[in-house]
Each structure stands twice: as structure tokens, then as C-alpha cells.
């Protein structure tokens, strides 16, 4: 999982994700070691034990994330209280502000309060906005899901199609063209690509280069509002999609090449089946398995946003909010954001495991 997302617009989260992966494997080994006969070995004990194993892994991982999530931001340099206070404030006013946000309590007391609030569904109050984290995070989350989900769906369709074409036409000019295009889009930094698209696509076509809506415009209908939002989405969605193209194309091409060497492919050709039937029913279906895992991981990162893309296009999403929160030492907002991201990644991996077994009957629970 770490290698799949090691280089991306989500680079700010790769460390947390790698820690997640290591913790996942570590606690799984502990569970098997403590009770090796509990059915957690995954050696054909059935779908029920497989499901229980995955649920336990998710629960332990989420608990570990909550602990890391709290202490990770406490070791950051700087005092968040300085961002809240005016140097000219009286000492009693400063003490009152620190007490209001719980910054005057010992670290372990703050941790107990944090755990209590988490299990109550309360993510705390933002230092910077002085509002509940949920109220600040929710609209940003919806904007990010809209942006990244569209880019993921579009790039998945195009990238997988390119990978299938390149793998099926291995060694031809079509294969080389797909490889060059995929390598080029994968290697280009998203912030640089965004600027290039603004200059050579946005300006000639009159597409907006920042924000989510046109400032000062009153919409006469819902269709006018959606049309304006879609125009603002065009450039950032295209920027993210270009990076995803290469990722999906390379994985799919590699899977296709592995499938092409299987005996059942030779048998299908010997039966005289049409090339289109072989490609559709034998090659693509089996080659899709590794891609399912990658798509699921990327779907888990939808809520993480894209810091570079959202910054270039001034898109009011989670990625840009996290960037601003780091600058202002807004611990509750950062904790809430990273908790939502971690939950989405864990759930996405859980869904990928289940889907993998359903798609491929050869997978033994």
C-alpha cells in the first residue's frame, strides 16, 4: 500500500498511510500468535472467519490511528496558543483562552478528553475558526469529494482502457504510444501541470482558474448554478485525471501481460474464439484484479483531497484546509481531518478485500 501511493498529490499523507499499513500487519500477527486456532489464519476456514479477521484488523487499526492522530500533532514545533492570543492581552485573559480550549491541562488529560469526545462523535472545536470541527470540515469534505471523485472515475475508465490496449497490442506502436503518454502524465508534477493547463487551456477557452463559483453572480436556476460549478471543475479535474491516467494504465498493462501467458489464454485461442471474446471474457476479467485494489485505495483517499491541485486552483477542499490548518497549528481541525482520511482508507481496503474474493473465485478465504 505504501508503494502504491508513495508519489502523488497526496504526498502529505503517505507517512501516515505507511504507518497504517505497518500497524495493520503488526496487529494481525499478534492476533494470530495469541490464538492460532481461532480461524484467523486465513487458510480456507470460510468467509465468516475471513470477515471476522478483517473486521478485527480494521478495529485495531482505527484504535491505533486515534492514538497516533492525537500525539502526532502534539510533537509539532510551535504553540497553538500563540496563534489564538494577542501579545497585548492581559495574563488572565490568556489563561482563560487556554482553559477554554483545554490547553492548560496535562497531555494525558487532554488525551482522555479527546478519546471521550471521539466516541461521542465530537471532533472538538477549531482553534482558528472557533467553530465545531464538523461544521468546518463538512462543506470542505463535500467540495473535495466532488472534485476527486470525478477525477477518479474519469481517469479510471481512460487509464484502464489504455492499459488494456497497451497490453493486448504489446510491442506495437500503440503500446509504445500508451506507455509514453502514461509515463509523461505520471511524471509531471500536478502543480506545474495545473499552471500549464490554465495558460494553454483555461485562458483560450475562457474556463475559470480559481474557486468553485463565480463571485457576485446570482443564479436564476439550479441548472445555471450547476453549469457554473462544472466550469470551475473542468481544469482541476483534468489536472488530477492526467496524473491518474499513467498509474492505472501501467498497472493494467502489467496485469494484461501476466494474463496473456496463462494456459487458459492459449486454450481459448486454440478453440477458435474471436479475439474480442478472448479479450473480454478471459483477459480483462482476470487482469482487473490488481487494479481493483489500487482503485479501492485511491477511493479511500478521495476525502484527503489534493493539496497541490486545490492550492493552485484555490479550490475550497480538505487538502487546502489541511495546508492552512498546519500553518495556524489548529490541532482539532487537523485531527478531525486525518481521522476521516484514515477511516476512509481502512474502509476502502476492507471493501477491496471483500470485492477481491467475490470477483476471483480462486481466492480462498
Protein backbone atom coordinates (compact mmCIF):
# COMPACT_ATOMS: atom_id res chain seq x y z
CA UNK A 1 0.00 0.00 0.00
CA UNK A 2 2.87 2.38 0.76
CA UNK A 3 4.41 1.91 -2.67
CA UNK A 4 1.10 2.45 -4.41
CA UNK A 5 0.80 5.97 -3.04
CA UNK A 6 4.42 6.88 -2.46
CA UNK A 7 4.43 9.60 -5.10
CA UNK A 8 1.26 11.57 -5.53
CA UNK A 9 -0.59 14.76 -4.92
CA UNK A 10 -1.42 13.19 -1.60
CA UNK A 11 2.24 13.13 -0.58
CA UNK A 12 1.41 14.82 2.74
CA UNK A 13 -0.42 11.68 3.84
CA UNK A 14 1.96 8.97 2.64
CA UNK A 15 3.75 8.78 6.01
CA UNK A 16 0.50 8.26 7.89
CA UNK A 17 -0.62 5.69 5.33
CA UNK A 18 2.63 3.73 5.56
CA UNK A 19 2.30 3.69 9.35
CA UNK A 20 -1.24 2.40 8.89
CA UNK A 21 -0.02 -0.44 6.68
CA UNK A 22 2.71 -1.47 9.10
CA UNK A 23 0.35 -1.36 12.08
CA UNK A 24 -2.22 -3.39 10.16
CA UNK A 25 0.29 -6.23 9.55
CA UNK A 26 1.77 -5.99 13.04
CA UNK A 27 -1.53 -6.35 14.89
CA UNK A 28 -2.66 -9.12 12.55
CA UNK A 29 0.45 -11.12 13.50
CA UNK A 30 -0.33 -10.52 17.17
CA UNK A 31 -3.89 -11.81 16.81
CA UNK A 32 -2.71 -14.98 15.05
CA UNK A 33 0.09 -15.52 17.58
CA UNK A 34 -2.24 -15.16 20.59
CA UNK A 35 -4.87 -17.56 19.24
CA UNK A 36 -3.56 -19.54 16.26
CA UNK A 37 -6.59 -21.85 16.26
CA UNK A 38 -9.19 -19.08 16.21
CA UNK A 39 -9.70 -19.25 12.46
CA UNK A 40 -7.70 -16.08 11.82
CA UNK A 41 -5.05 -17.88 9.80
CA UNK A 42 -6.99 -17.43 6.59
CA UNK A 43 -6.29 -20.97 5.49
CA UNK A 44 -9.60 -21.82 3.92
CA UNK A 45 -11.68 -21.54 7.13
CA UNK A 46 -14.56 -19.90 5.30
CA UNK A 47 -15.94 -16.50 4.56
CA UNK A 48 -17.14 -15.94 8.14
CA UNK A 49 -13.69 -16.26 9.68
CA UNK A 50 -12.22 -14.21 6.85
CA UNK A 51 -14.75 -11.45 7.56
CA UNK A 52 -14.10 -11.57 11.31
CA UNK A 53 -10.37 -11.31 10.71
CA UNK A 54 -10.78 -8.24 8.50
CA UNK A 55 -13.17 -6.57 10.97
CA UNK A 56 -10.74 -7.12 13.84
CA UNK A 57 -7.91 -5.71 11.74
CA UNK A 58 -9.98 -2.63 10.94
CA UNK A 59 -10.93 -2.09 14.61
CA UNK A 60 -7.35 -2.40 15.87
CA UNK A 61 -6.04 -0.17 13.09
CA UNK A 62 -8.60 2.52 13.82
CA UNK A 63 -7.71 2.48 17.52
CA UNK A 64 -4.02 2.79 16.66
CA UNK A 65 -4.80 5.67 14.30
CA UNK A 66 -6.71 7.52 17.02
CA UNK A 67 -3.71 7.29 19.36
CA UNK A 68 -1.20 8.34 16.68
CA UNK A 69 -3.54 11.05 15.49
CA UNK A 70 -3.53 12.72 18.91
CA UNK A 71 0.20 12.63 19.67
CA UNK A 72 1.37 13.30 16.10
CA UNK A 73 0.30 16.94 16.16
CA UNK A 74 1.42 17.50 19.76
CA UNK A 75 5.05 16.93 18.78
CA UNK A 76 4.88 19.61 16.08
CA UNK A 77 7.00 22.69 16.81
CA UNK A 78 5.18 25.81 17.90
CA UNK A 79 2.47 26.65 20.42
CA UNK A 80 -1.10 26.83 19.12
CA UNK A 81 -1.96 29.21 21.95
CA UNK A 82 0.23 31.89 20.34
CA UNK A 83 -1.98 31.78 17.25
CA UNK A 84 -5.04 32.48 19.39
CA UNK A 85 -3.73 35.30 21.50
CA UNK A 86 -2.77 38.92 21.09
CA UNK A 87 0.63 39.71 22.64
CA UNK A 88 -1.02 42.70 24.35
CA UNK A 89 -3.60 40.54 26.15
CA UNK A 90 -3.69 40.55 29.92
CA UNK A 91 -2.40 37.38 31.62
CA UNK A 92 -5.84 36.46 32.98
CA UNK A 93 -7.34 36.69 29.51
CA UNK A 94 -4.64 34.41 28.11
CA UNK A 95 -5.25 31.88 30.89
CA UNK A 96 -8.97 31.97 30.16
CA UNK A 97 -8.41 31.27 26.45
CA UNK A 98 -6.04 28.38 27.19
CA UNK A 99 -8.57 26.91 29.63
CA UNK A 100 -11.41 27.35 27.13
CA UNK A 101 -9.62 25.15 24.57
CA UNK A 102 -8.22 22.73 27.16
CA UNK A 103 -4.60 23.75 26.52
CA UNK A 104 -3.90 24.24 30.22
CA UNK A 105 -4.44 20.58 31.10
CA UNK A 106 -1.75 17.85 31.18
CA UNK A 107 -1.16 15.94 27.96
CA UNK A 108 -2.68 12.69 29.20
CA UNK A 109 -5.76 14.51 30.46
CA UNK A 110 -6.16 16.08 27.03
CA UNK A 111 -5.86 12.59 25.51
CA UNK A 112 -8.62 11.18 27.74
CA UNK A 113 -10.87 14.10 26.82
CA UNK A 114 -10.04 13.55 23.14
CA UNK A 115 -10.98 9.84 23.33
CA UNK A 116 -14.22 10.64 25.14
CA UNK A 117 -15.19 13.19 22.51
CA UNK A 118 -14.31 10.84 19.63
CA UNK A 119 -16.62 8.10 20.91
CA UNK A 120 -19.35 10.70 21.35
CA UNK A 121 -19.00 11.82 17.75
CA UNK A 122 -17.50 15.16 18.77
CA UNK A 123 -14.32 16.15 16.89
CA UNK A 124 -13.72 19.23 19.03
CA UNK A 125 -13.69 22.95 18.33
CA UNK A 126 -11.39 24.55 15.77
CA UNK A 127 -8.83 26.92 17.29
CA UNK A 128 -8.72 29.14 14.23
CA UNK A 129 -12.41 29.28 13.26
CA UNK A 130 -13.75 28.94 16.84
CA UNK A 131 -16.45 26.62 15.48
CA UNK A 132 -17.09 22.87 15.81
CA UNK A 133 -14.72 20.89 13.58
CA UNK A 134 -17.65 19.07 11.97
CA UNK A 135 -19.18 22.37 10.81
CA UNK A 136 -15.86 23.49 9.29
CA UNK A 137 -14.95 20.11 7.80
CA UNK A 138 -18.29 19.08 6.26
CA UNK A 139 -18.60 21.66 3.42
CA UNK A 140 -14.91 21.27 2.56
CA UNK A 141 -15.36 17.49 2.51
CA UNK A 142 -18.25 17.74 0.05
CA UNK A 143 -16.20 20.00 -2.27
CA UNK A 144 -13.27 17.58 -2.18
CA UNK A 145 -15.42 14.52 -2.84
CA UNK A 146 -16.96 16.29 -5.83
CA UNK A 147 -13.55 17.15 -7.29
CA UNK A 148 -11.55 13.99 -6.59
CA UNK A 149 -14.40 11.55 -7.23
CA UNK A 150 -14.99 12.93 -10.72
CA UNK A 151 -11.27 12.82 -11.47
CA UNK A 152 -11.01 9.25 -10.14
CA UNK A 153 -13.95 7.94 -12.19
CA UNK A 154 -12.79 9.64 -15.39
CA UNK A 155 -9.15 8.61 -15.03
CA UNK A 156 -10.06 5.04 -14.05
CA UNK A 157 -12.07 4.50 -17.22
CA UNK A 158 -9.47 6.08 -19.51
CA UNK A 159 -6.42 4.62 -17.71
CA UNK A 160 -7.74 1.06 -17.65
CA UNK A 161 -8.72 1.33 -21.31
CA UNK A 162 -5.18 2.48 -22.19
CA UNK A 163 -3.66 -0.34 -20.14
CA UNK A 164 -5.83 -2.95 -21.83
CA UNK A 165 -4.97 -1.60 -25.25
CA UNK A 166 -1.23 -1.46 -24.49
CA UNK A 167 -1.14 -4.99 -23.04
CA UNK A 168 -3.16 -6.51 -25.88
CA UNK A 169 -1.03 -4.76 -28.54
CA UNK A 170 2.29 -5.43 -26.83
CA UNK A 171 5.35 -4.37 -28.82
CA UNK A 172 3.40 -2.32 -31.36
CA UNK A 173 3.33 1.43 -31.92
CA UNK A 174 0.07 1.54 -29.99
CA UNK A 175 1.79 0.02 -26.97
CA UNK A 176 4.69 2.46 -27.18
CA UNK A 177 2.33 5.42 -27.55
CA UNK A 178 0.32 4.38 -24.49
CA UNK A 179 3.50 3.88 -22.46
CA UNK A 180 4.92 7.28 -23.42
CA UNK A 181 1.63 9.02 -22.64
CA UNK A 182 1.26 7.22 -19.31
CA UNK A 183 4.86 7.85 -18.27
CA UNK A 184 4.61 11.52 -19.22
CA UNK A 185 1.40 12.20 -17.31
CA UNK A 186 2.59 10.22 -14.28
CA UNK A 187 5.90 12.09 -14.06
CA UNK A 188 4.54 15.63 -14.43
CA UNK A 189 4.05 17.42 -11.07
CA UNK A 190 0.39 18.29 -10.60
CA UNK A 191 1.05 21.90 -9.56
CA UNK A 192 3.09 22.51 -12.74
CA UNK A 193 0.52 20.76 -14.90
CA UNK A 194 -2.24 22.87 -13.36
CA UNK A 195 -0.45 26.09 -14.25
CA UNK A 196 0.19 24.88 -17.81
CA UNK A 197 -3.47 23.96 -18.25
CA UNK A 198 -4.53 27.39 -17.02
CA UNK A 199 -2.27 29.09 -19.58
CA UNK A 200 -2.92 26.90 -22.61
CA UNK A 201 -6.43 25.55 -21.97
CA UNK A 202 -8.20 27.72 -19.43
CA UNK A 203 -7.41 31.14 -20.90
CA UNK A 204 -8.11 30.26 -24.58
CA UNK A 205 -11.40 28.53 -23.69
CA UNK A 206 -12.41 31.04 -21.06
CA UNK A 207 -12.55 28.48 -18.24
CA UNK A 208 -12.35 29.72 -14.61
CA UNK A 209 -8.99 29.15 -12.95
CA UNK A 210 -9.93 29.50 -9.27
CA UNK A 211 -12.73 28.95 -6.79
CA UNK A 212 -15.87 26.85 -7.00
CA UNK A 213 -18.33 29.55 -8.08
CA UNK A 214 -18.21 32.89 -9.87
CA UNK A 215 -18.11 35.66 -7.27
CA UNK A 216 -21.00 38.11 -7.34
CA UNK A 217 -23.19 36.11 -9.74
CA UNK A 218 -26.82 35.43 -8.84
CA UNK A 219 -28.13 32.19 -10.29
CA UNK A 220 -31.57 32.20 -11.87
CA UNK A 221 -31.95 28.42 -11.72
CA UNK A 222 -30.35 25.26 -10.39
CA UNK A 223 -29.06 24.41 -13.86
CA UNK A 224 -27.20 27.72 -14.06
CA UNK A 225 -25.56 27.02 -10.70
CA UNK A 226 -24.51 23.50 -11.70
CA UNK A 227 -23.19 24.78 -15.03
CA UNK A 228 -21.02 27.33 -13.26
CA UNK A 229 -19.67 24.73 -10.81
CA UNK A 230 -18.87 22.32 -13.65
CA UNK A 231 -16.96 25.06 -15.48
CA UNK A 232 -14.87 25.64 -12.36
CA UNK A 233 -14.34 21.88 -12.04
CA UNK A 234 -13.03 21.40 -15.56
CA UNK A 235 -9.37 22.38 -15.04
CA UNK A 236 -8.74 20.82 -11.60
CA UNK A 237 -10.47 17.56 -12.63
CA UNK A 238 -8.39 17.43 -15.82
CA UNK A 239 -5.21 18.07 -13.81
CA UNK A 240 -5.85 15.22 -11.37
CA UNK A 241 -7.04 12.89 -14.12
CA UNK A 242 -3.81 13.29 -16.09
CA UNK A 243 -1.78 12.01 -13.13
CA UNK A 244 -4.09 9.05 -12.52
CA UNK A 245 -4.00 8.01 -16.21
CA UNK A 246 -0.46 6.70 -16.02
CA UNK A 247 -0.97 4.94 -12.70
CA UNK A 248 -3.94 2.88 -13.89
CA UNK A 249 -2.51 2.31 -17.37
CA UNK A 250 0.75 0.82 -16.07
CA UNK A 251 -0.92 -1.46 -13.54
CA UNK A 252 -3.46 -2.68 -16.07
CA UNK A 253 -0.84 -3.25 -18.78
CA UNK A 254 1.33 -5.26 -16.39
CA UNK A 255 -1.66 -7.39 -15.38
CA UNK A 256 -2.58 -7.96 -19.02
CA UNK A 257 0.92 -9.18 -19.83
CA UNK A 258 0.76 -11.68 -16.97
CA UNK A 259 -2.65 -12.94 -18.07
CA UNK A 260 -1.52 -13.36 -21.68
CA UNK A 261 0.99 -16.03 -20.61
CA UNK A 262 -1.60 -18.20 -18.86
CA UNK A 263 -2.57 -21.60 -20.26
CA UNK A 264 -6.27 -20.79 -20.43
CA UNK A 265 -5.49 -17.97 -22.89
CA UNK A 266 -3.76 -20.48 -25.20
CA UNK A 267 -6.71 -22.82 -24.82
CA UNK A 268 -9.17 -20.08 -25.73
CA UNK A 269 -7.20 -19.28 -28.87
CA UNK A 270 -6.98 -22.98 -29.76
CA UNK A 271 -10.79 -23.22 -29.55
CA UNK A 272 -11.01 -20.63 -32.30
CA UNK A 273 -12.75 -17.98 -30.17
CA UNK A 274 -12.89 -14.49 -31.56
CA UNK A 275 -10.23 -12.06 -30.41
CA UNK A 276 -12.86 -9.77 -28.92
CA UNK A 277 -14.36 -12.62 -26.88
CA UNK A 278 -10.96 -13.70 -25.59
CA UNK A 279 -10.14 -10.14 -24.58
CA UNK A 280 -13.47 -9.51 -22.88
CA UNK A 281 -14.19 -12.82 -21.15
CA UNK A 282 -10.72 -14.16 -20.39
CA UNK A 283 -8.04 -11.45 -20.39
CA UNK A 284 -9.67 -8.32 -18.99
CA UNK A 285 -11.67 -10.01 -16.25
CA UNK A 286 -8.62 -11.66 -14.70
CA UNK A 287 -6.31 -8.69 -15.30
CA UNK A 288 -8.69 -6.40 -13.40
CA UNK A 289 -7.90 -7.98 -10.03
CA UNK A 290 -4.78 -5.93 -9.09
CA UNK A 291 -6.47 -2.82 -10.42
CA UNK A 292 -9.40 -3.32 -8.03
CA UNK A 293 -7.05 -2.95 -5.06
CA UNK A 294 -5.48 0.21 -6.48
CA UNK A 295 -8.87 1.76 -7.27
CA UNK A 296 -10.10 0.99 -3.76
CA UNK A 297 -7.05 2.62 -2.17
CA UNK A 298 -7.48 5.71 -4.35
CA UNK A 299 -11.17 5.86 -3.46
CA UNK A 300 -10.14 5.85 0.18
CA UNK A 301 -8.04 8.92 -0.48
CA UNK A 302 -10.92 10.82 -2.07
CA UNK A 303 -11.65 12.60 1.21
CA UNK A 304 -7.96 13.53 1.58
CA UNK A 305 -8.21 15.91 -1.31
CA UNK A 306 -5.24 17.09 -3.30
CA UNK A 307 -3.22 19.82 -1.62
CA UNK A 308 -1.26 20.93 -4.67
CA UNK A 309 -4.22 20.95 -7.05
CA UNK A 310 -6.55 22.62 -4.57
CA UNK A 311 -3.91 25.25 -3.83
CA UNK A 312 -3.22 26.05 -7.50
CA UNK A 313 -6.93 26.39 -8.31
CA UNK A 314 -7.95 27.86 -4.92
CA UNK A 315 -10.44 25.01 -4.55
CA UNK A 316 -12.10 25.12 -1.09
CA UNK A 317 -11.50 21.48 -0.19
CA UNK A 318 -9.99 19.37 2.57
CA UNK A 319 -6.48 19.47 1.09
CA UNK A 320 -6.32 23.26 1.14
CA UNK A 321 -7.88 23.33 4.61
CA UNK A 322 -5.21 20.97 5.97
CA UNK A 323 -2.50 23.19 4.50
CA UNK A 324 -3.97 26.25 6.25
CA UNK A 325 -4.50 24.32 9.49
CA UNK A 326 -0.84 23.31 9.68
CA UNK A 327 0.17 26.97 9.38
CA UNK A 328 -2.23 28.00 12.17
CA UNK A 329 -1.46 24.99 14.46
CA UNK A 330 -5.17 24.13 14.50
CA UNK A 331 -4.88 20.74 16.25
CA UNK A 332 -8.59 19.81 16.44
CA UNK A 333 -9.16 20.54 12.75
CA UNK A 334 -6.05 18.57 11.75
CA UNK A 335 -7.03 15.67 13.99
CA UNK A 336 -10.55 15.58 12.59
CA UNK A 337 -9.31 15.72 9.01
CA UNK A 338 -6.73 12.97 9.43
CA UNK A 339 -9.18 10.77 11.32
CA UNK A 340 -11.69 10.98 8.47
CA UNK A 341 -8.91 10.22 5.96
CA UNK A 342 -7.70 7.21 7.96
CA UNK A 343 -11.23 5.83 8.35
CA UNK A 344 -11.85 6.14 4.62
CA UNK A 345 -8.60 4.32 3.78
CA UNK A 346 -9.32 1.48 6.22
CA UNK A 347 -12.87 1.06 4.96
CA UNK A 348 -11.74 1.19 1.33
CA UNK A 349 -9.17 -1.56 1.95
CA UNK A 350 -11.81 -3.65 3.72
CA UNK A 351 -14.15 -3.31 0.73
CA UNK A 352 -11.27 -4.16 -1.64
CA UNK A 353 -10.53 -7.39 0.27
CA UNK A 354 -14.15 -8.49 0.11
CA UNK A 355 -14.55 -7.49 -3.54
CA UNK A 356 -11.33 -9.30 -4.49
CA UNK A 357 -12.69 -12.55 -3.15
CA UNK A 358 -16.03 -12.12 -4.86
CA UNK A 359 -14.54 -11.28 -8.26
CA UNK A 360 -11.97 -14.07 -8.28
CA UNK A 361 -13.35 -17.49 -7.19
CA UNK A 362 -9.76 -18.76 -6.90
CA UNK A 363 -9.20 -16.58 -3.82
CA UNK A 364 -9.55 -18.78 -0.75
CA UNK A 365 -10.90 -17.23 2.42
